[in-house]
Amino acid sequence: MRKKGFIAISPLLVFVCLYLVTSIIAGDFYKVPITVAFMLASIYAIVIGGGMPLTKRIDTFSKGASTKNMMLMIWIFILAGAFANSAKVMGSIDATVNLTLNLLPASMILAGLFIAACFISLSIGTSVGTIVALTPIAAGVAQSLDFNIYLLTAVIVGGSFFGDNLSFISDTTITATSTQGCKLSDKFRVNSFLAFPAAIIVLLVYSAMGQSMTSDQPASPVNIIKVAPYIIVLLTAIFGMNVMAVLTLGIALTGIIGIADGSFDVFGWFKAMGDGIIGMGELIIITMLAAGMLELIKERRGIDFIINSLTRHVKTKRAAELCIATLVGVVNICTANNTVAILTVGQLSKKIGDRYGVDNRKCASILDTMSCCVQGLIPYGAQVLMAAGLAEINPIGILPYLYYPLTIGLITIASILLRYPRRYS
């Protein structure tokens, strides 16, 4: 059983060795394209038998790569690419960057972008929507002021997970509370003891880092009409419009404004959208390869093997909480989706919590915070991939600057070890 379980999760280990280990040895994360690493790991996942006929292995891989969630994510990637590039061609990004620079001094750029990402994600309850809205602006600011584009992109990704973790309308919040049988408001209270300190710590770090960031570039005049697509996209997202509808509206606005002011004609608009969609091609390929490979791991009971291995030695309340945190984190690594990870281990976590006297509100909070932590730190998660695609950078380059996901994870572990907050521990 142990041998079969190890074989089941081995494709993930192959990917890690092919990409991370090889890149570290070479001293260059651009040496091995992430698409090639996933392709080879996916081929390996199909080749190893596991008692399944070859046709079933291929069918299972294809099923994982084409689930409803994957197709929805690909649609979002396509629309995001079309919107981002058409907005860029018509000058919307430049205008929004100029507005940002007029409103914020260079020393406050990091803190300001982080606060904006936290607020928007808390309002709309989705990290992906926040990243789509703010990453092009962050990338434009980085290029305009010659700042570290990886750092500014990571600021947006980190802030987006603040709201994804806390918002009442976030799918992770709803999933965590429903599996643990507690109220949204109760889970919010427990989470606030973890998320707000993490956000304050990271905000102080960004404020300190910003003191050394200066720019001699004079503020340019702002063409507010060209900022309109981003303002309307942000407002409609905050008021709860579906992210695909938001992006479609944004695309339409870039076309209307761009054609009206002569930035491009109809065919130029079509080309801008087409180039943006093509630019998302690698992102879509990575998403589908990862999803197919992870579906094979799940089908071969690799996730069951992980769960059984981690729960074997649980004997105390503290150990139970640590086990729940580890479970959701490891399963998140294997599924690359924090909501799916919570769903996968939610019922088992409830049983562990009930058996060892873990408060169900604390259990829900651990599930949500640890899944958001891991989701924010894996280079093949939708959020990091989306941000990298929009900023046109390598996803691995973002990871060293993801302070918020790391901080919320460390605070969650500390809360378990120190029995914090006391009233829920």
Protein backbone atom coordinates (compact mmCIF):
# COMPACT_ATOMS: atom_id res chain seq x y z
CA MET A 1 0.00 0.00 0.00
CA ARG A 2 2.80 2.41 0.94
CA LYS A 3 4.65 1.60 -2.30
CA LYS A 4 1.50 2.19 -4.38
CA GLY A 5 0.86 5.45 -2.57
CA PHE A 6 4.38 6.70 -3.21
CA ILE A 7 4.09 5.76 -6.90
CA ALA A 8 0.75 7.59 -7.08
CA ILE A 9 2.25 10.91 -5.92
CA SER A 10 5.56 10.43 -7.79
CA PRO A 11 4.54 12.59 -10.83
CA LEU A 12 4.52 15.62 -8.54
CA LEU A 13 8.01 14.69 -7.30
CA VAL A 14 9.16 14.30 -10.92
CA PHE A 15 7.90 17.82 -11.68
CA VAL A 16 9.69 19.25 -8.64
CA CYS A 17 12.95 17.55 -9.64
CA LEU A 18 12.66 18.52 -13.29
CA TYR A 19 11.85 22.14 -12.63
CA LEU A 20 12.98 23.34 -9.23
CA VAL A 21 15.97 21.10 -8.59
CA THR A 22 17.31 21.36 -12.16
CA SER A 23 16.86 25.13 -12.19
CA ILE A 24 18.60 25.51 -8.82
CA ILE A 25 21.54 23.39 -10.05
CA ALA A 26 21.73 25.44 -13.25
CA GLY A 27 21.39 28.66 -11.25
CA ASP A 28 18.75 29.93 -13.66
CA PHE A 29 14.98 29.41 -13.45
CA TYR A 30 14.66 30.22 -17.16
CA LYS A 31 16.78 27.22 -18.19
CA VAL A 32 13.90 24.77 -17.90
CA PRO A 33 10.58 26.08 -19.26
CA ILE A 34 7.79 25.25 -16.83
CA THR A 35 5.68 23.97 -19.73
CA VAL A 36 8.35 21.37 -20.56
CA ALA A 37 8.62 20.30 -16.91
CA PHE A 38 4.86 19.78 -16.72
CA MET A 39 4.79 18.01 -20.08
CA LEU A 40 7.46 15.49 -19.02
CA ALA A 41 5.86 14.99 -15.60
CA SER A 42 2.48 14.46 -17.31
CA ILE A 43 3.96 11.90 -19.72
CA TYR A 44 5.48 10.11 -16.74
CA ALA A 45 2.12 10.19 -14.94
CA ILE A 46 0.46 8.51 -17.94
CA VAL A 47 3.27 6.01 -18.51
CA ILE A 48 3.37 4.54 -14.98
CA GLY A 49 0.75 1.80 -14.91
CA GLY A 50 -1.00 1.78 -11.56
CA GLY A 51 -3.16 -1.11 -12.78
CA MET A 52 -4.97 1.07 -15.33
CA PRO A 53 -5.10 0.45 -19.10
CA LEU A 54 -3.35 3.08 -21.21
CA THR A 55 -6.60 4.35 -22.71
CA LYS A 56 -8.10 4.87 -19.24
CA ARG A 57 -4.98 6.72 -18.08
CA ILE A 58 -5.26 9.07 -21.06
CA ASP A 59 -9.01 9.48 -20.49
CA THR A 60 -8.43 10.27 -16.81
CA PHE A 61 -5.76 12.83 -17.68
CA SER A 62 -8.07 14.43 -20.25
CA LYS A 63 -10.97 14.49 -17.79
CA GLY A 64 -8.86 16.33 -15.23
CA ALA A 65 -7.63 18.82 -17.82
CA SER A 66 -11.18 19.61 -18.97
CA THR A 67 -13.27 19.79 -15.81
CA LYS A 68 -15.86 22.52 -15.40
CA ASN A 69 -13.52 24.48 -13.12
CA MET A 70 -10.64 24.21 -15.60
CA MET A 71 -12.79 25.38 -18.51
CA LEU A 72 -14.04 28.31 -16.45
CA MET A 73 -10.47 29.23 -15.53
CA ILE A 74 -9.38 29.04 -19.18
CA TRP A 75 -12.29 31.30 -20.17
CA ILE A 76 -11.13 33.81 -17.56
CA PHE A 77 -7.55 33.58 -18.88
CA ILE A 78 -8.76 34.23 -22.45
CA LEU A 79 -10.93 37.20 -21.47
CA ALA A 80 -8.22 38.59 -19.17
CA GLY A 81 -5.65 38.40 -21.96
CA ALA A 82 -7.96 40.15 -24.43
CA PHE A 83 -8.85 42.88 -21.92
CA ALA A 84 -5.32 43.46 -20.63
CA ASN A 85 -3.75 43.82 -24.08
CA SER A 86 -6.53 45.88 -25.66
CA ALA A 87 -6.39 48.20 -22.62
CA LYS A 88 -2.61 48.41 -23.00
CA VAL A 89 -2.75 49.21 -26.75
CA MET A 90 -5.37 51.94 -26.28
CA GLY A 91 -3.25 53.54 -23.52
CA SER A 92 -5.45 52.62 -20.55
CA ILE A 93 -2.59 51.14 -18.53
CA ASP A 94 -0.35 54.18 -19.09
CA ALA A 95 -3.17 56.52 -18.06
CA THR A 96 -3.91 54.48 -14.92
CA VAL A 97 -0.22 54.37 -14.02
CA ASN A 98 -0.02 58.15 -14.39
CA LEU A 99 -3.06 58.51 -12.13
CA THR A 100 -1.45 56.23 -9.55
CA LEU A 101 1.79 58.21 -9.63
CA ASN A 102 -0.13 61.46 -9.25
CA LEU A 103 -1.98 60.12 -6.20
CA LEU A 104 0.87 58.24 -4.49
CA PRO A 105 4.53 59.21 -3.94
CA ALA A 106 7.05 56.54 -4.94
CA SER A 107 7.70 55.68 -1.28
CA MET A 108 4.04 54.69 -0.83
CA ILE A 109 3.60 52.63 -4.01
CA LEU A 110 4.12 49.24 -2.33
CA ALA A 111 1.91 49.98 0.67
CA GLY A 112 -0.74 51.65 -1.50
CA LEU A 113 -1.00 48.74 -3.95
CA PHE A 114 -1.15 46.24 -1.08
CA ILE A 115 -3.99 48.13 0.64
CA ALA A 116 -5.86 48.36 -2.68
CA ALA A 117 -5.48 44.62 -3.28
CA CYS A 118 -6.63 43.82 0.28
CA PHE A 119 -9.68 46.06 0.01
CA ILE A 120 -10.77 44.89 -3.44
CA SER A 121 -10.31 41.19 -2.66
CA LEU A 122 -12.24 41.59 0.59
CA SER A 123 -15.04 43.32 -1.33
CA ILE A 124 -15.32 40.86 -4.21
CA GLY A 125 -14.23 37.68 -2.42
CA THR A 126 -11.92 36.43 -5.15
CA SER A 127 -8.17 36.57 -5.51
CA VAL A 128 -8.28 35.96 -9.28
CA GLY A 129 -10.57 38.94 -9.92
CA THR A 130 -8.30 41.21 -7.87
CA ILE A 131 -5.21 40.02 -9.72
CA VAL A 132 -6.86 40.57 -13.11
CA ALA A 133 -7.80 44.13 -12.14
CA LEU A 134 -4.59 45.30 -10.47
CA THR A 135 -1.64 43.36 -11.92
CA PRO A 136 -1.43 45.34 -15.20
CA ILE A 137 -1.35 48.56 -13.16
CA ALA A 138 1.39 47.22 -10.86
CA ALA A 139 3.42 46.02 -13.85
CA GLY A 140 2.99 49.38 -15.57
CA VAL A 141 4.16 51.25 -12.47
CA ALA A 142 7.19 48.95 -12.18
CA GLN A 143 8.18 49.58 -15.80
CA SER A 144 7.52 53.31 -15.60
CA LEU A 145 9.60 53.83 -12.45
CA ASP A 146 12.13 51.04 -13.11
CA PHE A 147 11.07 49.21 -9.94
CA ASN A 148 11.28 45.45 -9.36
CA ILE A 149 8.35 44.07 -11.39
CA TYR A 150 8.43 40.75 -9.51
CA LEU A 151 8.05 42.57 -6.19
CA LEU A 152 5.15 44.75 -7.32
CA THR A 153 3.36 41.77 -8.89
CA ALA A 154 3.82 39.80 -5.65
CA VAL A 155 2.30 42.71 -3.68
CA ILE A 156 -0.93 42.29 -5.67
CA VAL A 157 -0.95 38.49 -5.33
CA GLY A 158 -0.37 38.70 -1.58
CA GLY A 159 -3.05 41.32 -1.02
CA SER A 160 -5.52 39.34 -3.11
CA PHE A 161 -5.30 36.41 -0.69
CA PHE A 162 -6.20 38.64 2.27
CA GLY A 163 -9.74 39.05 0.97
CA ASP A 164 -9.93 35.54 -0.47
CA ASN A 165 -9.30 34.30 3.07
CA LEU A 166 -11.58 36.71 4.96
CA SER A 167 -14.46 37.68 2.66
CA PHE A 168 -17.95 36.37 3.45
CA ILE A 169 -18.55 35.67 -0.24
CA SER A 170 -15.25 33.86 -0.89
CA ASP A 171 -15.69 30.25 -2.05
CA THR A 172 -13.00 29.10 0.40
CA THR A 173 -14.84 30.74 3.31
CA ILE A 174 -18.16 29.19 2.30
CA THR A 175 -16.58 25.75 1.79
CA ALA A 176 -14.64 25.83 5.07
CA THR A 177 -17.66 26.86 7.16
CA SER A 178 -20.07 24.45 5.48
CA THR A 179 -17.77 21.44 5.99
CA GLN A 180 -17.19 22.34 9.65
CA GLY A 181 -20.78 23.30 10.45
CA CYS A 182 -20.11 26.82 11.76
CA LYS A 183 -21.35 30.32 10.91
CA LEU A 184 -19.58 32.62 8.46
CA SER A 185 -19.42 35.33 11.11
CA ASP A 186 -17.81 32.99 13.66
CA LYS A 187 -15.13 31.88 11.23
CA PHE A 188 -14.51 35.54 10.30
CA ARG A 189 -13.86 36.39 13.95
CA VAL A 190 -11.29 33.62 14.32
CA ASN A 191 -9.68 34.47 10.99
CA SER A 192 -9.43 38.14 11.91
CA PHE A 193 -7.05 37.22 14.77
CA LEU A 194 -4.72 35.76 12.13
CA ALA A 195 -5.25 37.73 8.92
CA PHE A 196 -5.20 41.28 10.30
CA PRO A 197 -1.89 40.85 12.21
CA ALA A 198 -0.38 39.25 9.09
CA ALA A 199 -1.59 42.14 6.91
CA ILE A 200 -0.29 44.75 9.37
CA ILE A 201 3.13 43.08 9.54
CA VAL A 202 3.39 42.91 5.74
CA LEU A 203 2.14 46.50 5.38
CA LEU A 204 4.86 47.69 7.77
CA VAL A 205 7.46 45.76 5.75
CA TYR A 206 6.25 47.34 2.50
CA SER A 207 6.21 50.80 4.10
CA ALA A 208 9.81 50.33 5.27
CA MET A 209 10.91 49.03 1.87
CA GLY A 210 9.19 51.96 0.18
CA GLN A 211 11.32 54.51 2.00
CA SER A 212 14.24 53.63 -0.24
CA MET A 213 12.16 53.81 -3.43
CA THR A 214 12.37 57.16 -5.17
CA SER A 215 11.68 58.48 -8.63
CA ASP A 216 12.77 61.61 -10.44
CA GLN A 217 10.13 61.09 -13.11
CA PRO A 218 7.71 64.04 -13.19
CA ALA A 219 4.03 63.20 -12.97
CA SER A 220 2.39 63.11 -16.40
CA PRO A 221 -1.07 64.52 -17.11
CA VAL A 222 -3.87 61.98 -16.67
CA ASN A 223 -6.32 61.14 -19.46
CA ILE A 224 -9.23 60.14 -17.22
CA ILE A 225 -11.28 58.77 -20.14
CA LYS A 226 -8.64 56.11 -20.74
CA VAL A 227 -8.70 55.21 -17.05
CA ALA A 228 -12.45 54.55 -17.28
CA PRO A 229 -12.21 50.84 -18.27
CA TYR A 230 -10.23 50.04 -15.11
CA ILE A 231 -12.44 52.17 -12.86
CA ILE A 232 -15.60 50.51 -14.19
CA VAL A 233 -14.04 47.04 -14.00
CA LEU A 234 -13.11 47.64 -10.34
CA LEU A 235 -16.51 49.08 -9.41
CA THR A 236 -18.53 46.34 -11.11
CA ALA A 237 -16.33 43.69 -9.49
CA ILE A 238 -16.75 45.28 -6.05
CA PHE A 239 -20.53 45.32 -6.51
CA GLY A 240 -20.50 41.59 -7.16
CA MET A 241 -20.72 41.20 -10.93
CA ASN A 242 -19.44 37.85 -12.27
CA VAL A 243 -15.75 38.06 -13.19
CA MET A 244 -16.40 36.92 -16.78
CA ALA A 245 -19.08 39.59 -17.19
CA VAL A 246 -16.70 42.16 -15.70
CA LEU A 247 -13.96 41.28 -18.19
CA THR A 248 -16.38 41.25 -21.13
CA LEU A 249 -17.59 44.72 -20.14
CA GLY A 250 -13.97 45.87 -19.87
CA ILE A 251 -13.19 44.55 -23.36
CA ALA A 252 -16.22 46.36 -24.80
CA LEU A 253 -15.18 49.64 -23.13
CA THR A 254 -11.62 49.44 -24.47
CA GLY A 255 -13.05 49.00 -27.97
CA ILE A 256 -15.54 51.87 -27.69
CA ILE A 257 -13.06 54.33 -26.14
CA GLY A 258 -10.09 53.22 -28.26
CA ILE A 259 -11.96 53.51 -31.54
CA ALA A 260 -13.59 56.81 -30.52
CA ASP A 261 -10.28 58.52 -29.66
CA GLY A 262 -8.38 57.02 -32.61
CA SER A 263 -6.09 54.70 -30.62
CA PHE A 264 -7.01 51.97 -33.10
CA ASP A 265 -9.70 51.05 -35.62
CA VAL A 266 -11.94 47.97 -35.39
CA PHE A 267 -9.31 45.71 -36.91
CA GLY A 268 -6.64 47.14 -34.62
CA TRP A 269 -8.90 46.35 -31.66
CA PHE A 270 -9.36 42.78 -32.91
CA LYS A 271 -5.59 42.41 -33.30
CA ALA A 272 -4.97 43.74 -29.79
CA MET A 273 -7.44 41.23 -28.35
CA GLY A 274 -5.96 38.40 -30.45
CA ASP A 275 -2.41 39.17 -29.33
CA GLY A 276 -3.57 39.22 -25.71
CA ILE A 277 -5.24 35.82 -26.05
CA ILE A 278 -2.15 34.35 -27.71
CA GLY A 279 -0.06 35.75 -24.85
CA MET A 280 -2.10 33.60 -22.45
CA GLY A 281 -1.32 30.43 -24.41
CA GLU A 282 1.49 29.19 -22.15
CA LEU A 283 -0.63 29.87 -19.08
CA ILE A 284 -3.50 27.79 -20.47
CA ILE A 285 -1.16 24.93 -21.40
CA ILE A 286 0.38 24.86 -17.91
CA THR A 287 -3.07 24.90 -16.30
CA MET A 288 -4.35 21.96 -18.37
CA LEU A 289 -1.19 19.85 -17.99
CA ALA A 290 -1.14 20.40 -14.23
CA ALA A 291 -4.85 19.60 -13.89
CA GLY A 292 -4.53 16.40 -15.91
CA MET A 293 -1.49 15.21 -13.97
CA LEU A 294 -3.14 15.96 -10.62
CA GLU A 295 -6.29 14.09 -11.68
CA LEU A 296 -4.18 10.97 -12.28
CA ILE A 297 -2.65 11.37 -8.81
CA LYS A 298 -6.15 11.61 -7.33
CA GLU A 299 -7.47 8.63 -9.36
CA ARG A 300 -4.58 6.45 -8.14
CA ARG A 301 -5.55 7.36 -4.56
CA GLY A 302 -2.43 9.44 -4.03
CA ILE A 303 -4.39 11.96 -1.98
CA ASP A 304 -5.90 9.15 0.13
CA PHE A 305 -2.36 7.89 0.75
CA ILE A 306 -1.29 11.32 1.97
CA ILE A 307 -4.34 11.68 4.23
CA ASN A 308 -3.88 8.22 5.78
CA SER A 309 -0.16 8.78 6.33
CA LEU A 310 -0.70 12.12 8.09
CA THR A 311 -3.57 11.05 10.34
CA ARG A 312 -1.98 7.83 11.63
CA HIS A 313 -0.22 9.33 14.66
CA VAL A 314 -2.68 12.01 15.84
CA LYS A 315 -3.25 11.78 19.62
CA THR A 316 -3.72 15.31 21.05
CA LYS A 317 -5.71 18.45 20.26
CA ARG A 318 -2.59 20.36 19.19
CA ALA A 319 -1.49 17.44 17.02
CA ALA A 320 -4.98 17.30 15.52
CA GLU A 321 -4.85 20.98 14.56
CA LEU A 322 -1.35 20.57 13.09
CA CYS A 323 -2.57 17.51 11.19
CA ILE A 324 -5.52 19.45 9.73
CA ALA A 325 -3.19 22.28 8.67
CA THR A 326 -0.75 19.86 7.06
CA LEU A 327 -3.53 17.88 5.39
CA VAL A 328 -5.10 20.82 3.62
CA GLY A 329 -1.67 22.22 2.67
CA VAL A 330 -0.36 18.99 1.15
CA VAL A 331 -3.63 18.25 -0.66
CA ASN A 332 -3.57 21.84 -1.98
CA ILE A 333 -0.12 21.16 -3.43
CA CYS A 334 -1.57 18.10 -5.16
CA THR A 335 -4.70 19.83 -6.49
CA ALA A 336 -3.46 23.41 -7.08
CA ASN A 337 -6.88 24.64 -5.96
CA ASN A 338 -7.56 25.82 -2.41
CA THR A 339 -11.33 25.33 -2.61
CA VAL A 340 -10.94 21.77 -3.90
CA ALA A 341 -8.37 21.07 -1.15
CA ILE A 342 -10.81 22.20 1.55
CA LEU A 343 -13.60 20.12 0.03
CA THR A 344 -11.32 17.07 -0.16
CA VAL A 345 -10.25 17.08 3.49
CA GLY A 346 -13.17 18.99 5.02
CA GLN A 347 -15.21 16.05 6.30
CA LEU A 348 -12.14 14.19 7.55
CA SER A 349 -10.97 17.37 9.32
CA LYS A 350 -14.39 17.64 11.00
CA LYS A 351 -14.05 14.06 12.29
CA ILE A 352 -10.52 14.70 13.57
CA GLY A 353 -11.61 17.94 15.20
CA ASP A 354 -14.64 16.38 16.89
CA ARG A 355 -12.62 13.45 18.15
CA TYR A 356 -9.94 15.59 19.79
CA GLY A 357 -12.08 18.55 20.87
CA VAL A 358 -10.97 21.11 18.26
CA ASP A 359 -13.34 24.09 18.06
CA ASN A 360 -15.08 23.86 14.66
CA ARG A 361 -14.60 27.62 14.17
CA LYS A 362 -10.84 27.24 14.68
CA CYS A 363 -10.84 24.22 12.37
CA ALA A 364 -12.58 26.19 9.60
CA SER A 365 -10.09 29.02 10.04
CA ILE A 366 -7.10 26.65 9.82
CA LEU A 367 -8.48 25.06 6.63
CA ASP A 368 -8.95 28.45 4.97
CA THR A 369 -5.73 30.17 6.06
CA MET A 370 -3.42 27.23 5.30
CA SER A 371 -5.02 26.56 1.92
CA CYS A 372 -4.62 30.25 0.99
CA CYS A 373 -1.02 30.17 2.23
CA VAL A 374 -0.10 27.18 0.06
CA GLN A 375 -2.14 28.36 -2.94
CA GLY A 376 -0.25 31.65 -2.83
CA LEU A 377 3.16 29.95 -2.77
CA ILE A 378 2.89 27.29 -5.51
CA PRO A 379 4.15 28.44 -8.92
CA TYR A 380 1.46 26.47 -10.79
CA GLY A 381 -1.52 27.85 -8.85
CA ALA A 382 -4.02 29.87 -10.88
CA GLN A 383 -3.30 33.11 -9.02
CA VAL A 384 0.49 33.12 -9.47
CA LEU A 385 0.15 31.95 -13.09
CA MET A 386 -2.43 34.63 -13.85
CA ALA A 387 -0.28 37.38 -12.32
CA ALA A 388 2.81 36.15 -14.16
CA GLY A 389 0.92 35.99 -17.44
CA LEU A 390 -0.48 39.51 -17.12
CA ALA A 391 2.90 40.94 -16.07
CA GLU A 392 4.72 38.82 -18.70
CA ILE A 393 7.22 37.40 -16.20
CA ASN A 394 8.31 33.98 -14.91
CA PRO A 395 6.03 32.74 -12.09
CA ILE A 396 9.02 31.43 -10.11
CA GLY A 397 10.42 34.96 -9.94
CA ILE A 398 7.37 36.10 -7.95
CA LEU A 399 7.73 33.51 -5.17
CA PRO A 400 10.55 35.12 -3.10
CA TYR A 401 8.42 38.27 -2.67
CA LEU A 402 5.15 36.64 -1.58
CA TYR A 403 5.33 37.93 1.97
CA TYR A 404 1.63 37.80 2.87
CA PRO A 405 0.92 34.11 2.07
CA LEU A 406 4.08 33.12 3.95
CA THR A 407 3.24 35.34 6.93
CA ILE A 408 -0.36 34.09 7.25
CA GLY A 409 0.95 30.51 7.15
CA LEU A 410 3.52 31.14 9.87
CA ILE A 411 0.97 32.94 12.06
CA THR A 412 -1.47 30.04 11.64
CA ILE A 413 1.15 27.51 12.75
CA ALA A 414 2.13 29.76 15.66
CA SER A 415 -1.55 30.07 16.66
CA ILE A 416 -1.77 26.28 16.89
CA LEU A 417 1.41 25.90 18.93
CA LEU A 418 0.62 28.84 21.25
CA ARG A 419 -3.13 28.07 21.56
CA TYR A 420 -4.11 31.43 20.05
CA PRO A 421 -6.71 32.90 20.16
CA ARG A 422 -7.42 31.40 23.58
CA ARG A 423 -11.20 31.61 23.46
CA TYR A 424 -11.26 29.33 20.38
CA SER A 425 -8.43 27.03 21.48
